[in-house]
């Protein structure tokens, strides 16, 4: 069993904002695989099914971003998934829009949702897929950037990235994290490592 969590905010006004890219990948995986992520489970909406033959639970925390870890902790306990079976996906303002990165561990930087998950599970050692929504912004304006609806061109780039992220998740499930990292972590010049996002 794998628990695949996309981070985001539940209100409709945030649906097409960069901060909801994690939700978008969950929706992509659900649509591809006929999984309905609609059942309330604690503080999340979940759907259970199979992706490339692997049993999965897809989840979208409904706690708002900053409290995402509460939901993740509850789901890990309910489904008896260990941390090796957890994959969390979130937006990353330090990566260009359209770029994804996969890592087996690492800090949250200043991404509040990721920090909440780390605090809830008690470790940084869980797989994560970060979804670029940059270019990078000064700290003072990052919150405004990630919470504003994306424009048409941004949505088109985001849709392509979300599709690629769906492919990457399927590869993680079938071939493992290392092979997926080799394929999808195409580092750009002067690219930072882990998140420093608001």
Protein backbone atom coordinates (compact mmCIF):
# COMPACT_ATOMS: atom_id res chain seq x y z
CA UNK A 1 0.00 0.00 0.00
CA UNK A 2 1.25 3.48 -0.93
CA UNK A 3 -0.11 6.77 0.40
CA UNK A 4 0.18 9.54 -2.20
CA UNK A 5 -0.67 12.99 -0.87
CA UNK A 6 -0.98 16.25 -2.76
CA UNK A 7 -0.85 19.44 -0.69
CA UNK A 8 -3.18 22.36 -1.30
CA UNK A 9 -6.04 24.48 0.02
CA UNK A 10 -9.64 23.23 -0.17
CA UNK A 11 -11.58 26.42 -0.95
CA UNK A 12 -12.66 26.83 -4.61
CA UNK A 13 -10.96 30.23 -4.79
CA UNK A 14 -7.59 28.45 -4.54
CA UNK A 15 -8.31 25.75 -7.11
CA UNK A 16 -6.10 27.16 -9.87
CA UNK A 17 -3.38 28.74 -7.75
CA UNK A 18 0.24 27.52 -7.68
CA UNK A 19 -0.24 26.41 -4.06
CA UNK A 20 -2.71 23.76 -5.30
CA UNK A 21 -0.38 22.02 -7.75
CA UNK A 22 -0.20 19.03 -5.40
CA UNK A 23 -3.99 18.67 -5.55
CA UNK A 24 -3.80 18.87 -9.35
CA UNK A 25 -1.44 15.89 -9.56
CA UNK A 26 -3.72 13.85 -7.30
CA UNK A 27 -6.60 14.71 -9.63
CA UNK A 28 -4.49 13.72 -12.65
CA UNK A 29 -3.67 10.33 -11.13
CA UNK A 30 -7.29 9.83 -10.10
CA UNK A 31 -8.60 10.61 -13.59
CA UNK A 32 -6.08 8.32 -15.28
CA UNK A 33 -6.89 5.41 -13.04
CA UNK A 34 -10.60 5.73 -12.35
CA UNK A 35 -10.13 6.56 -8.68
CA UNK A 36 -12.66 8.90 -7.05
CA UNK A 37 -11.00 11.10 -4.44
CA UNK A 38 -14.24 12.06 -2.74
CA UNK A 39 -14.55 10.11 0.51
CA UNK A 40 -14.01 12.12 3.72
CA UNK A 41 -11.42 10.35 5.86
CA UNK A 42 -10.49 12.27 8.97
CA UNK A 43 -9.30 15.63 7.70
CA UNK A 44 -8.80 14.62 4.05
CA UNK A 45 -10.60 13.54 0.92
CA UNK A 46 -9.32 10.14 -0.16
CA UNK A 47 -9.71 7.57 -2.89
CA UNK A 48 -8.41 4.04 -2.90
CA UNK A 49 -7.53 2.02 -5.98
CA UNK A 50 -4.69 0.72 -8.10
CA UNK A 51 -2.11 2.56 -10.18
CA UNK A 52 0.07 0.44 -12.47
CA UNK A 53 -1.02 -2.56 -10.42
CA UNK A 54 0.00 -1.05 -7.07
CA UNK A 55 -2.55 -0.53 -4.29
CA UNK A 56 -2.67 3.18 -3.44
CA UNK A 57 -4.55 5.72 -1.38
CA UNK A 58 -4.73 9.16 -3.01
CA UNK A 59 -5.35 11.99 -0.57
CA UNK A 60 -6.01 15.73 -0.52
CA UNK A 61 -5.82 17.19 3.01
CA UNK A 62 -8.69 19.55 3.80
CA UNK A 63 -6.96 21.31 6.70
CA UNK A 64 -5.48 24.13 4.63
CA UNK A 65 -1.84 24.07 3.71
CA UNK A 66 -0.26 24.99 7.04
CA UNK A 67 -1.89 22.07 8.90
CA UNK A 68 -1.44 19.39 6.23
CA UNK A 69 0.61 17.19 8.54
CA UNK A 70 -2.37 16.51 10.80
CA UNK A 71 -4.13 14.79 7.93
CA UNK A 72 -1.04 12.92 6.72
CA UNK A 73 -0.35 11.54 10.19
CA UNK A 74 -3.92 10.33 10.55
CA UNK A 75 -3.87 8.59 7.18
CA UNK A 76 -0.54 6.86 7.80
CA UNK A 77 -1.97 5.42 11.00
CA UNK A 78 -5.34 4.44 9.56
CA UNK A 79 -3.95 2.62 6.53
CA UNK A 80 -0.90 1.29 8.39
CA UNK A 81 1.47 2.73 5.80
CA UNK A 82 5.09 3.16 6.88
CA UNK A 83 7.16 6.12 5.76
CA UNK A 84 8.70 4.12 2.91
CA UNK A 85 5.22 4.04 1.40
CA UNK A 86 4.58 7.79 1.65
CA UNK A 87 4.90 10.23 -1.26
CA UNK A 88 4.02 13.90 -0.73
CA UNK A 89 3.72 16.46 -3.54
CA UNK A 90 3.85 20.25 -3.19
CA UNK A 91 4.56 23.46 -5.11
CA UNK A 92 8.06 24.92 -5.21
CA UNK A 93 8.61 28.59 -6.03
CA UNK A 94 12.39 28.16 -6.36
CA UNK A 95 11.92 25.86 -9.35
CA UNK A 96 10.80 27.25 -12.72
CA UNK A 97 7.20 26.60 -13.67
CA UNK A 98 7.11 23.29 -15.53
CA UNK A 99 10.00 21.69 -13.63
CA UNK A 100 9.59 18.76 -11.25
CA UNK A 101 12.02 17.35 -8.72
CA UNK A 102 11.93 14.06 -6.82
CA UNK A 103 13.87 13.46 -3.60
CA UNK A 104 13.91 10.74 -0.93
CA UNK A 105 14.23 13.25 1.93
CA UNK A 106 15.20 16.80 2.76
CA UNK A 107 14.08 19.91 4.59
CA UNK A 108 10.89 21.86 4.04
CA UNK A 109 12.74 25.13 3.62
CA UNK A 110 10.01 27.65 4.43
CA UNK A 111 7.15 25.72 2.78
CA UNK A 112 4.62 25.61 5.58
CA UNK A 113 2.71 22.59 4.32
CA UNK A 114 5.87 20.51 3.97
CA UNK A 115 7.03 21.65 7.41
CA UNK A 116 3.70 20.57 8.89
CA UNK A 117 4.10 17.10 7.38
CA UNK A 118 7.68 16.77 8.68
CA UNK A 119 6.57 17.82 12.15
CA UNK A 120 3.67 15.37 12.12
CA UNK A 121 5.65 12.32 11.01
CA UNK A 122 8.73 13.24 13.03
CA UNK A 123 11.28 12.99 10.23
CA UNK A 124 12.37 14.46 6.90
CA UNK A 125 12.95 10.99 5.49
CA UNK A 126 10.00 10.49 3.16
CA UNK A 127 9.72 10.78 -0.61
CA UNK A 128 8.57 14.05 -2.07
CA UNK A 129 7.82 15.42 -5.53
CA UNK A 130 8.18 19.18 -5.85
CA UNK A 131 6.34 21.07 -8.58
CA UNK A 132 7.96 24.22 -9.91
CA UNK A 133 5.89 27.40 -9.89
CA UNK A 134 8.70 30.00 -10.15
CA UNK A 135 10.55 32.08 -11.18
CA UNK A 136 11.70 32.70 -7.64
CA UNK A 137 10.14 35.67 -5.88
CA UNK A 138 11.38 37.82 -3.00
CA UNK A 139 10.26 36.40 0.32
CA UNK A 140 7.86 39.32 0.80
CA UNK A 141 5.84 38.50 -2.33
CA UNK A 142 5.96 34.68 -2.43
CA UNK A 143 2.74 34.24 -0.48
CA UNK A 144 0.91 36.54 -2.89
CA UNK A 145 2.33 34.63 -5.86
CA UNK A 146 1.39 31.13 -4.73
CA UNK A 147 -2.15 32.16 -3.71
CA UNK A 148 -3.15 34.03 -6.87
CA UNK A 149 -4.93 32.24 -9.74
CA UNK A 150 -2.59 31.33 -12.57
CA UNK A 151 -2.98 33.05 -15.92
CA UNK A 152 -3.77 31.15 -19.10
CA UNK A 153 -0.16 30.60 -20.20
CA UNK A 154 0.78 29.52 -16.69
CA UNK A 155 -2.13 27.08 -16.54
CA UNK A 156 -1.03 25.55 -19.83
CA UNK A 157 2.52 25.07 -18.56
CA UNK A 158 1.19 23.75 -15.26
CA UNK A 159 -1.05 21.24 -17.05
CA UNK A 160 1.94 19.86 -18.95
CA UNK A 161 3.96 19.63 -15.74
CA UNK A 162 1.10 17.90 -13.91
CA UNK A 163 0.96 15.30 -16.66
CA UNK A 164 4.71 14.75 -16.37
CA UNK A 165 4.36 14.45 -12.60
CA UNK A 166 1.70 11.79 -13.11
CA UNK A 167 4.13 9.87 -15.32
CA UNK A 168 6.82 10.27 -12.66
CA UNK A 169 4.59 8.88 -9.92
CA UNK A 170 3.80 5.86 -12.08
CA UNK A 171 7.53 5.32 -12.63
CA UNK A 172 8.19 5.58 -8.89
CA UNK A 173 5.61 2.85 -8.31
CA UNK A 174 6.92 0.53 -11.02
CA UNK A 175 10.68 1.15 -11.07
CA UNK A 176 11.50 2.88 -7.80
CA UNK A 177 12.54 6.31 -6.64
CA UNK A 178 16.13 6.20 -7.90
CA UNK A 179 15.21 5.52 -11.52
CA UNK A 180 12.51 8.18 -11.43
CA UNK A 181 15.01 10.67 -10.01
CA UNK A 182 17.50 9.87 -12.76
CA UNK A 183 14.88 10.49 -15.44
CA UNK A 184 13.07 13.52 -14.06
CA UNK A 185 15.66 15.45 -12.02
CA UNK A 186 17.19 17.33 -14.91
CA UNK A 187 19.08 19.99 -12.98
CA UNK A 188 19.27 23.48 -14.42
CA UNK A 189 22.22 25.88 -14.02
CA UNK A 190 22.41 27.50 -10.57
CA UNK A 191 19.36 25.60 -9.42
CA UNK A 192 18.93 25.49 -5.62
CA UNK A 193 18.53 22.26 -3.76
CA UNK A 194 15.63 22.09 -1.31
CA UNK A 195 12.71 24.43 -0.79
CA UNK A 196 13.05 27.97 0.47
CA UNK A 197 9.44 28.84 -0.21
CA UNK A 198 6.84 30.66 1.82
